[in-house]
Amino acid sequence: MGQTVINYADLATAAGTDLGFSDYRVVTQEQVNTFADATDDHQWIHTDPEKAKEGPFGGPIAHGYLTLSLQIAFWTELFEVEGVRTKVNYGLEKVRFPAPVPVGSRIRMSAVIAEVTEVPGGYQIAADQVIEVENAPKPAVVSRGLYRFYA
């Protein structure tokens, strides 16, 4: 679908905009290991592929927070606001991890701008975001992201 580009002057009317899907990305064991090192979360279901084969998921899985953090990369593929001086990732609401992300799987994100609210000096958008695993019956992450744009 490509990136949706909106001018800051038109942001107030962006509620309801379907941003479509990002490209797929493969989640690698190297990414998982690097994330484990950064967060000091070396649980074997993430970092020990041999032991994880005998675990509940049949192999290693990505950390939920690793998958969540990829929303930033996906978001930049989906949406751009022109005419702003500052963009701020303001936070998340209602984050859930309904299904695991097996290492080696392909994931992508879809998003819809649910709300646009004026804030001092700019606008805040609330976007309903879903990260899905290719061919999986349930999404991996469901959340509402909050982003601020200042002119």
N, C-alpha and C. Protein backbone atom coordinates (compact mmCIF):
# COMPACT_ATOMS: atom_id res chain seq x y z
N MET A 1 0.83 -1.20 0.00
CA MET A 1 0.00 0.00 0.00
C MET A 1 0.87 1.25 0.00
N GLY A 2 2.01 1.23 0.63
CA GLY A 2 2.87 2.39 0.68
C GLY A 2 2.58 3.28 1.86
N GLN A 3 3.46 4.22 2.05
CA GLN A 3 3.36 5.13 3.18
C GLN A 3 2.27 6.17 2.95
N THR A 4 1.45 6.42 3.98
CA THR A 4 0.47 7.50 3.95
C THR A 4 1.16 8.76 4.43
N VAL A 5 1.09 9.81 3.63
CA VAL A 5 1.71 11.09 3.98
C VAL A 5 0.61 12.12 4.14
N ILE A 6 0.61 12.79 5.29
CA ILE A 6 -0.39 13.81 5.59
C ILE A 6 0.35 15.08 5.98
N ASN A 7 -0.13 16.21 5.51
CA ASN A 7 0.43 17.48 5.92
C ASN A 7 -0.11 17.83 7.30
N TYR A 8 0.72 18.46 8.11
CA TYR A 8 0.32 18.83 9.47
C TYR A 8 -1.00 19.60 9.48
N ALA A 9 -1.23 20.46 8.51
CA ALA A 9 -2.46 21.26 8.45
C ALA A 9 -3.70 20.38 8.30
N ASP A 10 -3.53 19.15 7.80
CA ASP A 10 -4.65 18.24 7.59
C ASP A 10 -4.78 17.17 8.68
N LEU A 11 -3.89 17.20 9.65
CA LEU A 11 -3.85 16.15 10.66
C LEU A 11 -5.13 16.08 11.50
N ALA A 12 -5.74 17.21 11.75
CA ALA A 12 -6.94 17.24 12.60
C ALA A 12 -8.07 16.38 12.04
N THR A 13 -8.06 16.13 10.74
CA THR A 13 -9.15 15.37 10.11
C THR A 13 -8.73 13.94 9.74
N ALA A 14 -7.64 13.47 10.31
CA ALA A 14 -7.09 12.16 9.92
C ALA A 14 -7.73 10.96 10.63
N ALA A 15 -8.57 11.19 11.62
CA ALA A 15 -9.21 10.07 12.33
C ALA A 15 -9.96 9.20 11.33
N GLY A 16 -9.80 7.90 11.48
CA GLY A 16 -10.44 6.95 10.59
C GLY A 16 -9.57 6.51 9.43
N THR A 17 -8.42 7.12 9.27
CA THR A 17 -7.53 6.77 8.16
C THR A 17 -6.92 5.40 8.37
N ASP A 18 -7.13 4.52 7.42
CA ASP A 18 -6.54 3.17 7.44
C ASP A 18 -5.17 3.27 6.78
N LEU A 19 -4.13 2.96 7.53
CA LEU A 19 -2.77 3.08 7.02
C LEU A 19 -2.29 1.82 6.32
N GLY A 20 -3.11 0.79 6.31
CA GLY A 20 -2.75 -0.44 5.60
C GLY A 20 -1.71 -1.26 6.35
N PHE A 21 -0.86 -1.96 5.58
CA PHE A 21 0.12 -2.88 6.13
C PHE A 21 1.55 -2.45 5.80
N SER A 22 2.44 -2.69 6.72
CA SER A 22 3.87 -2.51 6.46
C SER A 22 4.35 -3.69 5.62
N ASP A 23 5.61 -3.64 5.24
CA ASP A 23 6.25 -4.80 4.63
C ASP A 23 6.49 -5.85 5.72
N TYR A 24 6.68 -7.08 5.32
CA TYR A 24 7.05 -8.13 6.27
C TYR A 24 8.52 -8.00 6.65
N ARG A 25 8.83 -8.41 7.87
CA ARG A 25 10.20 -8.51 8.37
C ARG A 25 10.37 -9.89 8.98
N VAL A 26 11.53 -10.46 8.79
CA VAL A 26 11.85 -11.75 9.42
C VAL A 26 12.46 -11.48 10.79
N VAL A 27 11.98 -12.19 11.79
CA VAL A 27 12.54 -12.09 13.14
C VAL A 27 13.64 -13.13 13.26
N THR A 28 14.86 -12.69 13.51
CA THR A 28 16.02 -13.58 13.54
C THR A 28 16.46 -13.91 14.96
N GLN A 29 17.17 -15.02 15.08
CA GLN A 29 17.73 -15.38 16.39
C GLN A 29 18.74 -14.32 16.84
N GLU A 30 19.47 -13.75 15.90
CA GLU A 30 20.43 -12.69 16.25
C GLU A 30 19.71 -11.50 16.89
N GLN A 31 18.57 -11.09 16.32
CA GLN A 31 17.79 -10.00 16.92
C GLN A 31 17.36 -10.35 18.33
N VAL A 32 16.86 -11.57 18.50
CA VAL A 32 16.38 -12.02 19.80
C VAL A 32 17.52 -12.00 20.81
N ASN A 33 18.69 -12.51 20.41
CA ASN A 33 19.84 -12.53 21.31
C ASN A 33 20.31 -11.13 21.67
N THR A 34 20.32 -10.23 20.69
CA THR A 34 20.72 -8.85 20.95
C THR A 34 19.74 -8.18 21.92
N PHE A 35 18.45 -8.43 21.72
CA PHE A 35 17.44 -7.88 22.63
C PHE A 35 17.61 -8.46 24.03
N ALA A 36 17.90 -9.75 24.11
CA ALA A 36 18.13 -10.39 25.42
C ALA A 36 19.31 -9.73 26.13
N ASP A 37 20.37 -9.45 25.39
CA ASP A 37 21.53 -8.78 26.00
C ASP A 37 21.17 -7.37 26.46
N ALA A 38 20.39 -6.65 25.65
CA ALA A 38 20.03 -5.27 26.00
C ALA A 38 19.11 -5.20 27.22
N THR A 39 18.27 -6.21 27.41
CA THR A 39 17.27 -6.17 28.49
C THR A 39 17.58 -7.10 29.64
N ASP A 40 18.65 -7.89 29.49
CA ASP A 40 19.04 -8.88 30.49
C ASP A 40 17.93 -9.91 30.72
N ASP A 41 17.22 -10.24 29.64
CA ASP A 41 16.18 -11.28 29.68
C ASP A 41 16.64 -12.43 28.79
N HIS A 42 17.36 -13.36 29.41
CA HIS A 42 17.94 -14.49 28.68
C HIS A 42 17.17 -15.79 28.91
N GLN A 43 15.86 -15.67 29.10
CA GLN A 43 15.06 -16.88 29.31
C GLN A 43 15.26 -17.83 28.13
N TRP A 44 15.39 -19.11 28.42
CA TRP A 44 15.73 -20.11 27.42
C TRP A 44 14.74 -20.21 26.26
N ILE A 45 13.47 -19.86 26.49
CA ILE A 45 12.50 -19.93 25.38
C ILE A 45 12.84 -18.94 24.28
N HIS A 46 13.70 -17.97 24.60
CA HIS A 46 14.14 -16.99 23.62
C HIS A 46 15.53 -17.29 23.08
N THR A 47 16.44 -17.67 23.95
CA THR A 47 17.86 -17.66 23.59
C THR A 47 18.52 -19.03 23.45
N ASP A 48 17.83 -20.11 23.77
CA ASP A 48 18.43 -21.44 23.66
C ASP A 48 17.62 -22.28 22.67
N PRO A 49 17.96 -22.19 21.37
CA PRO A 49 17.17 -22.88 20.35
C PRO A 49 17.03 -24.38 20.59
N GLU A 50 18.06 -25.02 21.07
CA GLU A 50 17.99 -26.48 21.29
C GLU A 50 17.01 -26.82 22.41
N LYS A 51 17.13 -26.15 23.53
CA LYS A 51 16.21 -26.39 24.65
C LYS A 51 14.78 -25.97 24.28
N ALA A 52 14.67 -24.87 23.53
CA ALA A 52 13.35 -24.36 23.15
C ALA A 52 12.58 -25.33 22.25
N LYS A 53 13.30 -26.19 21.52
CA LYS A 53 12.63 -27.19 20.68
C LYS A 53 11.74 -28.10 21.52
N GLU A 54 12.14 -28.32 22.77
CA GLU A 54 11.39 -29.19 23.69
C GLU A 54 10.37 -28.39 24.52
N GLY A 55 10.35 -27.09 24.34
CA GLY A 55 9.46 -26.24 25.13
C GLY A 55 8.06 -26.14 24.56
N PRO A 56 7.25 -25.29 25.14
CA PRO A 56 5.83 -25.21 24.78
C PRO A 56 5.56 -24.67 23.38
N PHE A 57 6.55 -24.04 22.73
CA PHE A 57 6.32 -23.43 21.42
C PHE A 57 7.04 -24.17 20.29
N GLY A 58 7.77 -25.24 20.62
CA GLY A 58 8.45 -26.04 19.61
C GLY A 58 9.69 -25.40 19.03
N GLY A 59 10.13 -24.32 19.60
CA GLY A 59 11.33 -23.62 19.15
C GLY A 59 11.40 -22.27 19.83
N PRO A 60 12.46 -21.51 19.59
CA PRO A 60 12.60 -20.22 20.26
C PRO A 60 11.58 -19.21 19.73
N ILE A 61 11.17 -18.32 20.61
CA ILE A 61 10.24 -17.25 20.25
C ILE A 61 10.85 -15.90 20.61
N ALA A 62 10.42 -14.89 19.90
CA ALA A 62 10.84 -13.52 20.20
C ALA A 62 10.22 -13.07 21.51
N HIS A 63 10.92 -12.21 22.21
CA HIS A 63 10.35 -11.55 23.38
C HIS A 63 9.14 -10.74 22.93
N GLY A 64 8.09 -10.71 23.74
CA GLY A 64 6.94 -9.87 23.41
C GLY A 64 7.34 -8.42 23.26
N TYR A 65 8.23 -7.95 24.13
CA TYR A 65 8.64 -6.55 24.07
C TYR A 65 9.55 -6.26 22.88
N LEU A 66 10.25 -7.26 22.38
CA LEU A 66 11.00 -7.07 21.13
C LEU A 66 10.01 -6.84 19.99
N THR A 67 9.01 -7.68 19.90
CA THR A 67 8.01 -7.54 18.85
C THR A 67 7.32 -6.18 18.98
N LEU A 68 6.96 -5.80 20.19
CA LEU A 68 6.33 -4.51 20.44
C LEU A 68 7.24 -3.37 19.98
N SER A 69 8.52 -3.46 20.26
CA SER A 69 9.44 -2.38 19.90
C SER A 69 9.57 -2.20 18.40
N LEU A 70 9.30 -3.24 17.62
CA LEU A 70 9.37 -3.13 16.17
C LEU A 70 8.25 -2.26 15.60
N GLN A 71 7.26 -1.92 16.44
CA GLN A 71 6.21 -1.02 15.98
C GLN A 71 6.79 0.30 15.46
N ILE A 72 7.88 0.74 16.04
CA ILE A 72 8.47 2.01 15.61
C ILE A 72 8.94 1.91 14.16
N ALA A 73 9.65 0.83 13.85
CA ALA A 73 10.12 0.64 12.47
C ALA A 73 8.94 0.49 11.51
N PHE A 74 7.95 -0.29 11.92
CA PHE A 74 6.77 -0.46 11.07
C PHE A 74 6.03 0.87 10.89
N TRP A 75 5.90 1.60 11.98
CA TRP A 75 5.17 2.87 11.95
C TRP A 75 5.76 3.81 10.92
N THR A 76 7.08 3.90 10.86
CA THR A 76 7.71 4.82 9.91
C THR A 76 7.49 4.38 8.47
N GLU A 77 7.24 3.10 8.24
CA GLU A 77 6.89 2.63 6.90
C GLU A 77 5.47 3.04 6.52
N LEU A 78 4.60 3.14 7.52
CA LEU A 78 3.18 3.36 7.26
C LEU A 78 2.75 4.82 7.19
N PHE A 79 3.42 5.70 7.95
CA PHE A 79 2.85 7.04 8.15
C PHE A 79 3.92 8.10 8.27
N GLU A 80 3.66 9.23 7.65
CA GLU A 80 4.55 10.39 7.74
C GLU A 80 3.69 11.64 7.80
N VAL A 81 4.08 12.56 8.67
CA VAL A 81 3.42 13.86 8.75
C VAL A 81 4.44 14.90 8.31
N GLU A 82 4.09 15.63 7.27
CA GLU A 82 4.97 16.69 6.76
C GLU A 82 4.63 18.01 7.44
N GLY A 83 5.63 18.87 7.54
CA GLY A 83 5.42 20.19 8.09
C GLY A 83 5.46 20.25 9.61
N VAL A 84 6.14 19.29 10.23
CA VAL A 84 6.27 19.30 11.68
C VAL A 84 7.73 19.54 12.05
N ARG A 85 7.94 20.05 13.26
CA ARG A 85 9.32 20.24 13.72
C ARG A 85 9.73 19.14 14.68
N THR A 86 8.75 18.52 15.37
CA THR A 86 9.06 17.48 16.34
C THR A 86 7.98 16.41 16.30
N LYS A 87 8.44 15.15 16.38
CA LYS A 87 7.54 14.00 16.49
C LYS A 87 7.93 13.26 17.76
N VAL A 88 6.93 12.87 18.54
CA VAL A 88 7.18 12.21 19.82
C VAL A 88 6.36 10.93 19.92
N ASN A 89 7.02 9.84 20.24
CA ASN A 89 6.33 8.59 20.58
C ASN A 89 5.86 8.79 22.02
N TYR A 90 4.57 9.02 22.21
CA TYR A 90 4.05 9.43 23.52
C TYR A 90 3.70 8.26 24.44
N GLY A 91 3.48 7.08 23.88
CA GLY A 91 3.19 5.94 24.74
C GLY A 91 2.27 4.93 24.08
N LEU A 92 1.81 3.99 24.90
CA LEU A 92 0.96 2.90 24.43
C LEU A 92 -0.19 2.70 25.40
N GLU A 93 -1.29 2.20 24.87
CA GLU A 93 -2.43 1.81 25.69
C GLU A 93 -2.84 0.40 25.31
N LYS A 94 -3.38 -0.32 26.27
CA LYS A 94 -4.02 -1.62 26.00
C LYS A 94 -3.14 -2.58 25.21
N VAL A 95 -1.92 -2.79 25.63
CA VAL A 95 -1.02 -3.70 24.93
C VAL A 95 -1.33 -5.14 25.32
N ARG A 96 -1.43 -6.00 24.31
CA ARG A 96 -1.65 -7.43 24.54
C ARG A 96 -0.74 -8.22 23.61
N PHE A 97 -0.38 -9.43 24.05
CA PHE A 97 0.45 -10.35 23.27
C PHE A 97 -0.32 -11.66 23.07
N PRO A 98 -1.31 -11.70 22.17
CA PRO A 98 -2.16 -12.88 22.03
C PRO A 98 -1.46 -14.15 21.54
N ALA A 99 -0.35 -14.02 20.80
CA ALA A 99 0.30 -15.21 20.25
C ALA A 99 1.81 -14.98 20.16
N PRO A 100 2.59 -16.06 20.25
CA PRO A 100 4.05 -15.93 20.17
C PRO A 100 4.52 -15.65 18.73
N VAL A 101 5.75 -15.17 18.64
CA VAL A 101 6.41 -14.94 17.36
C VAL A 101 7.59 -15.91 17.27
N PRO A 102 7.44 -17.02 16.55
CA PRO A 102 8.55 -17.95 16.42
C PRO A 102 9.73 -17.31 15.69
N VAL A 103 10.93 -17.57 16.16
CA VAL A 103 12.12 -17.08 15.48
C VAL A 103 12.10 -17.63 14.05
N GLY A 104 12.41 -16.77 13.09
CA GLY A 104 12.40 -17.14 11.69
C GLY A 104 11.10 -16.80 10.99
N SER A 105 10.09 -16.40 11.74
CA SER A 105 8.80 -16.07 11.12
C SER A 105 8.83 -14.64 10.58
N ARG A 106 7.85 -14.38 9.72
CA ARG A 106 7.70 -13.06 9.12
C ARG A 106 6.54 -12.35 9.81
N ILE A 107 6.79 -11.08 10.17
CA ILE A 107 5.75 -10.28 10.82
C ILE A 107 5.57 -8.97 10.06
N ARG A 108 4.37 -8.40 10.21
CA ARG A 108 4.08 -7.09 9.65
C ARG A 108 3.06 -6.41 10.55
N MET A 109 2.86 -5.11 10.33
CA MET A 109 1.92 -4.35 11.15
C MET A 109 0.90 -3.64 10.28
N SER A 110 -0.32 -3.58 10.78
CA SER A 110 -1.35 -2.73 10.20
C SER A 110 -1.73 -1.70 11.25
N ALA A 111 -2.27 -0.57 10.78
CA ALA A 111 -2.66 0.48 11.72
C ALA A 111 -3.79 1.31 11.14
N VAL A 112 -4.63 1.81 12.05
CA VAL A 112 -5.71 2.73 11.72
C VAL A 112 -5.63 3.88 12.71
N ILE A 113 -5.71 5.10 12.21
CA ILE A 113 -5.75 6.26 13.11
C ILE A 113 -7.15 6.32 13.72
N ALA A 114 -7.21 6.06 15.01
CA ALA A 114 -8.50 5.98 15.69
C ALA A 114 -9.00 7.35 16.16
N GLU A 115 -8.08 8.17 16.64
CA GLU A 115 -8.46 9.47 17.19
C GLU A 115 -7.37 10.49 16.92
N VAL A 116 -7.77 11.74 16.79
CA VAL A 116 -6.84 12.87 16.72
C VAL A 116 -7.31 13.88 17.75
N THR A 117 -6.39 14.28 18.63
CA THR A 117 -6.72 15.21 19.70
C THR A 117 -5.74 16.37 19.67
N GLU A 118 -6.26 17.56 19.81
CA GLU A 118 -5.37 18.72 19.89
C GLU A 118 -4.73 18.76 21.27
N VAL A 119 -3.43 18.99 21.32
CA VAL A 119 -2.67 19.14 22.57
C VAL A 119 -1.92 20.47 22.47
N PRO A 120 -1.45 21.03 23.59
CA PRO A 120 -0.73 22.30 23.50
C PRO A 120 0.42 22.23 22.50
N GLY A 121 0.34 23.06 21.47
CA GLY A 121 1.40 23.13 20.46
C GLY A 121 1.32 22.11 19.35
N GLY A 122 0.29 21.24 19.35
CA GLY A 122 0.25 20.23 18.30
C GLY A 122 -0.96 19.32 18.37
N TYR A 123 -0.75 18.10 17.85
CA TYR A 123 -1.81 17.10 17.82
C TYR A 123 -1.27 15.77 18.34
N GLN A 124 -2.16 15.04 18.97
CA GLN A 124 -1.86 13.66 19.37
C GLN A 124 -2.77 12.74 18.58
N ILE A 125 -2.19 11.71 18.02
CA ILE A 125 -3.02 10.70 17.37
C ILE A 125 -2.94 9.41 18.19
N ALA A 126 -4.05 8.71 18.21
CA ALA A 126 -4.12 7.37 18.80
C ALA A 126 -4.33 6.42 17.62
N ALA A 127 -3.43 5.46 17.49
CA ALA A 127 -3.50 4.53 16.36
C ALA A 127 -3.68 3.11 16.88
N ASP A 128 -4.68 2.42 16.35
CA ASP A 128 -4.88 1.00 16.67
C ASP A 128 -3.94 0.21 15.77
N GLN A 129 -3.04 -0.55 16.41
CA GLN A 129 -1.95 -1.23 15.72
C GLN A 129 -2.03 -2.72 15.99
N VAL A 130 -1.78 -3.51 14.95
CA VAL A 130 -1.79 -4.97 15.08
C VAL A 130 -0.55 -5.51 14.37
N ILE A 131 0.27 -6.26 15.09
CA ILE A 131 1.38 -6.97 14.47
C ILE A 131 0.94 -8.42 14.32
N GLU A 132 1.04 -8.90 13.09
CA GLU A 132 0.62 -10.27 12.81
C GLU A 132 1.81 -11.08 12.32
N VAL A 133 1.73 -12.38 12.60
CA VAL A 133 2.69 -13.35 12.09
C VAL A 133 2.08 -13.94 10.82
N GLU A 134 2.86 -14.00 9.76
CA GLU A 134 2.35 -14.53 8.50
C GLU A 134 1.74 -15.92 8.69
N ASN A 135 0.52 -16.09 8.22
CA ASN A 135 -0.22 -17.36 8.26
C ASN A 135 -0.58 -17.84 9.67
N ALA A 136 -0.53 -16.98 10.66
CA ALA A 136 -0.91 -17.36 12.02
C ALA A 136 -2.37 -16.96 12.27
N PRO A 137 -3.09 -17.75 13.07
CA PRO A 137 -4.51 -17.45 13.30
C PRO A 137 -4.76 -16.27 14.23
N LYS A 138 -3.79 -15.94 15.09
CA LYS A 138 -3.96 -14.84 16.04
C LYS A 138 -2.83 -13.82 15.84
N PRO A 139 -3.10 -12.56 16.15
CA PRO A 139 -2.04 -11.56 16.07
C PRO A 139 -1.01 -11.75 17.19
N ALA A 140 0.17 -11.22 16.98
CA ALA A 140 1.23 -11.30 17.98
C ALA A 140 1.14 -10.15 18.98
N VAL A 141 0.79 -8.96 18.50
CA VAL A 141 0.67 -7.78 19.37
C VAL A 141 -0.53 -6.97 18.90
N VAL A 142 -1.32 -6.54 19.88
CA VAL A 142 -2.43 -5.62 19.63
C VAL A 142 -2.25 -4.47 20.60
N SER A 143 -2.22 -3.25 20.09
CA SER A 143 -2.02 -2.11 20.99
C SER A 143 -2.60 -0.84 20.38
N ARG A 144 -2.65 0.17 21.20
CA ARG A 144 -3.00 1.51 20.73
C ARG A 144 -1.77 2.38 21.01
N GLY A 145 -1.20 2.92 19.95
CA GLY A 145 -0.03 3.79 20.08
C GLY A 145 -0.46 5.24 20.11
N LEU A 146 0.25 6.02 20.91
CA LEU A 146 -0.01 7.46 21.01
C LEU A 146 1.21 8.21 20.48
N TYR A 147 0.97 9.09 19.53
CA TYR A 147 2.05 9.83 18.89
C TYR A 147 1.69 11.30 18.86
N ARG A 148 2.68 12.16 19.12
CA ARG A 148 2.44 13.60 19.10
C ARG A 148 3.26 14.26 18.00
N PHE A 149 2.65 15.25 17.40
CA PHE A 149 3.27 16.00 16.32
C PHE A 149 3.16 17.49 16.65
N TYR A 150 4.29 18.18 16.59
CA TYR A 150 4.33 19.60 16.92
C TYR A 150 4.83 20.41 15.72
N ALA A 151 4.12 21.51 15.42
CA ALA A 151 4.51 22.36 14.28
C ALA A 151 5.43 23.47 14.75
